[in-house]
């Protein structure tokens, strides 16, 4: 017997302009920051040197901006909406890093659908989101507009 995979993600048709999506939360750790430095090769002192960071306005190492963006993508996947239905990341616009994220900060992503577009291919569509990375105290650490391509619901 062959099992058939059924995506749990949202199809293009399932998204509504104005819809708000909130992901599960995740706490950022020092291990996350060090691992990202190792993977990316970005050992800038503001991320890895505790003594140097004491001389900065942050007082301690801060997470890399792209690390937080990557975790936001993981949080969106954890929410289930991309599982088996997202096809591609098409663009990131107006990416702003507004607040540092440090070890111990807990973040979640708030995402609002701001546009939907059909494509020339009948099996896919484009959804544009306004995304915000929100910390445990309600401050917005990052914001951007993200464009993703999703499958259309099979007929």
Protein backbone atom coordinates (compact mmCIF):
# COMPACT_ATOMS: atom_id res chain seq x y z
CA UNK A 1 0.00 0.00 0.00
CA UNK A 2 1.38 3.40 -0.98
CA UNK A 3 0.74 6.33 1.35
CA UNK A 4 -0.26 9.62 -0.24
CA UNK A 5 1.27 12.78 1.17
CA UNK A 6 -1.31 15.44 2.00
CA UNK A 7 0.14 18.92 2.61
CA UNK A 8 -0.97 20.64 5.80
CA UNK A 9 0.06 24.05 4.45
CA UNK A 10 -2.14 26.77 3.06
CA UNK A 11 -2.70 27.04 -0.65
CA UNK A 12 -2.74 30.35 -2.54
CA UNK A 13 -6.55 30.41 -2.41
CA UNK A 14 -6.55 30.02 1.39
CA UNK A 15 -4.86 33.37 2.05
CA UNK A 16 -6.98 36.50 2.45
CA UNK A 17 -5.68 40.06 2.14
CA UNK A 18 -5.65 41.57 5.63
CA UNK A 19 -5.31 38.19 7.34
CA UNK A 20 -2.95 38.17 10.35
CA UNK A 21 -0.84 35.12 11.13
CA UNK A 22 1.12 34.71 14.37
CA UNK A 23 3.72 31.96 14.73
CA UNK A 24 4.76 29.96 17.76
CA UNK A 25 7.49 31.58 19.87
CA UNK A 26 11.19 30.68 20.17
CA UNK A 27 13.83 31.82 22.64
CA UNK A 28 17.17 32.85 21.14
CA UNK A 29 20.22 31.35 22.85
CA UNK A 30 23.94 32.07 22.89
CA UNK A 31 24.35 28.73 21.13
CA UNK A 32 22.16 29.99 18.25
CA UNK A 33 24.38 33.07 17.90
CA UNK A 34 27.67 31.12 18.04
CA UNK A 35 26.39 28.44 15.65
CA UNK A 36 25.32 31.09 13.14
CA UNK A 37 28.75 32.74 13.40
CA UNK A 38 30.33 29.35 12.64
CA UNK A 39 28.00 28.60 9.71
CA UNK A 40 28.21 32.08 8.15
CA UNK A 41 31.83 32.88 9.02
CA UNK A 42 30.65 36.20 10.49
CA UNK A 43 32.67 36.48 13.69
CA UNK A 44 32.14 40.23 14.03
CA UNK A 45 32.95 41.13 17.63
CA UNK A 46 29.47 42.50 18.27
CA UNK A 47 28.23 38.91 17.96
CA UNK A 48 30.91 36.85 19.69
CA UNK A 49 33.23 38.93 21.91
CA UNK A 50 31.69 39.50 25.35
CA UNK A 51 34.44 41.91 26.47
CA UNK A 52 34.14 44.02 23.34
CA UNK A 53 30.34 44.06 23.70
CA UNK A 54 30.66 45.61 27.17
CA UNK A 55 31.90 48.75 25.35
CA UNK A 56 28.87 48.86 23.02
CA UNK A 57 25.37 50.19 23.66
CA UNK A 58 24.17 46.56 23.75
CA UNK A 59 26.38 45.45 26.66
CA UNK A 60 26.45 41.85 25.44
CA UNK A 61 26.59 39.95 22.14
CA UNK A 62 23.63 40.41 19.81
CA UNK A 63 22.21 38.01 17.24
CA UNK A 64 23.08 38.45 13.59
CA UNK A 65 20.26 40.09 11.62
CA UNK A 66 20.18 37.27 9.04
CA UNK A 67 20.01 34.70 11.88
CA UNK A 68 16.79 36.27 13.12
CA UNK A 69 15.41 36.36 9.56
CA UNK A 70 16.22 32.64 9.19
CA UNK A 71 14.54 31.82 12.50
CA UNK A 72 11.47 33.76 11.37
CA UNK A 73 11.32 31.47 8.32
CA UNK A 74 11.54 28.46 10.61
CA UNK A 75 8.79 29.82 12.81
CA UNK A 76 6.54 30.28 9.78
CA UNK A 77 7.24 26.68 8.79
CA UNK A 78 6.50 25.54 12.38
CA UNK A 79 3.10 27.24 12.09
CA UNK A 80 2.25 24.76 9.33
CA UNK A 81 1.24 27.24 6.64
CA UNK A 82 4.18 26.48 4.34
CA UNK A 83 4.24 22.72 4.77
CA UNK A 84 3.96 21.18 1.31
CA UNK A 85 2.48 24.25 -0.37
CA UNK A 86 5.17 26.95 -0.52
CA UNK A 87 7.22 26.87 -3.71
CA UNK A 88 9.70 29.75 -3.46
CA UNK A 89 10.90 32.89 -1.73
CA UNK A 90 10.74 35.56 -4.44
CA UNK A 91 11.91 38.64 -2.57
CA UNK A 92 12.52 40.57 0.61
CA UNK A 93 11.91 44.32 0.46
CA UNK A 94 12.32 47.14 2.96
CA UNK A 95 14.07 44.90 5.50
CA UNK A 96 14.65 46.97 8.64
CA UNK A 97 16.53 45.89 11.76
CA UNK A 98 15.00 48.04 14.48
CA UNK A 99 16.05 46.47 17.79
CA UNK A 100 18.81 44.05 18.77
CA UNK A 101 17.93 40.48 19.66
CA UNK A 102 20.01 38.99 22.48
CA UNK A 103 20.44 35.69 24.25
CA UNK A 104 17.25 35.06 26.22
CA UNK A 105 14.94 37.11 24.00
CA UNK A 106 11.83 35.23 22.91
CA UNK A 107 10.54 36.11 19.46
CA UNK A 108 7.57 35.27 17.29
CA UNK A 109 6.61 36.43 13.84
CA UNK A 110 3.51 38.46 13.09
CA UNK A 111 2.69 38.32 9.40
CA UNK A 112 -0.09 40.12 7.56
CA UNK A 113 -1.16 39.31 4.00
CA UNK A 114 -1.01 42.56 2.04
CA UNK A 115 -1.38 41.32 -1.54
CA UNK A 116 -2.20 38.24 -3.64
CA UNK A 117 -1.44 37.84 -7.33
CA UNK A 118 -2.26 35.09 -9.76
CA UNK A 119 0.59 34.10 -12.05
CA UNK A 120 0.61 33.13 -15.71
CA UNK A 121 0.84 29.49 -14.58
CA UNK A 122 -2.45 28.09 -13.27
CA UNK A 123 -0.82 25.91 -10.59
CA UNK A 124 0.70 28.73 -8.52
CA UNK A 125 0.16 32.19 -7.09
CA UNK A 126 2.12 34.88 -5.25
CA UNK A 127 1.38 36.12 -1.72
CA UNK A 128 3.00 39.25 -0.27
CA UNK A 129 3.35 39.54 3.51
CA UNK A 130 4.22 42.36 5.85
CA UNK A 131 6.35 40.54 8.46
CA UNK A 132 7.37 41.70 11.91
CA UNK A 133 9.66 39.94 14.38
CA UNK A 134 8.17 40.77 17.78
CA UNK A 135 10.08 40.29 21.04
CA UNK A 136 8.60 39.20 24.36
CA UNK A 137 8.14 42.83 25.48
CA UNK A 138 6.17 43.74 22.35
CA UNK A 139 8.95 45.65 20.61
CA UNK A 140 9.51 45.03 16.92
CA UNK A 141 13.06 43.82 16.23
CA UNK A 142 12.75 43.45 12.45
CA UNK A 143 10.22 44.24 9.77
CA UNK A 144 10.06 43.60 6.06
CA UNK A 145 7.86 42.84 3.08
CA UNK A 146 8.28 39.24 1.89
CA UNK A 147 7.00 37.77 -1.37
CA UNK A 148 6.40 34.01 -1.54
CA UNK A 149 5.05 31.69 -4.21
CA UNK A 150 2.48 29.05 -3.20
CA UNK A 151 0.81 26.15 -4.94
CA UNK A 152 -2.79 26.60 -5.99
CA UNK A 153 -5.32 24.13 -4.70
CA UNK A 154 -5.52 21.06 -6.98
CA UNK A 155 -8.77 20.78 -8.89
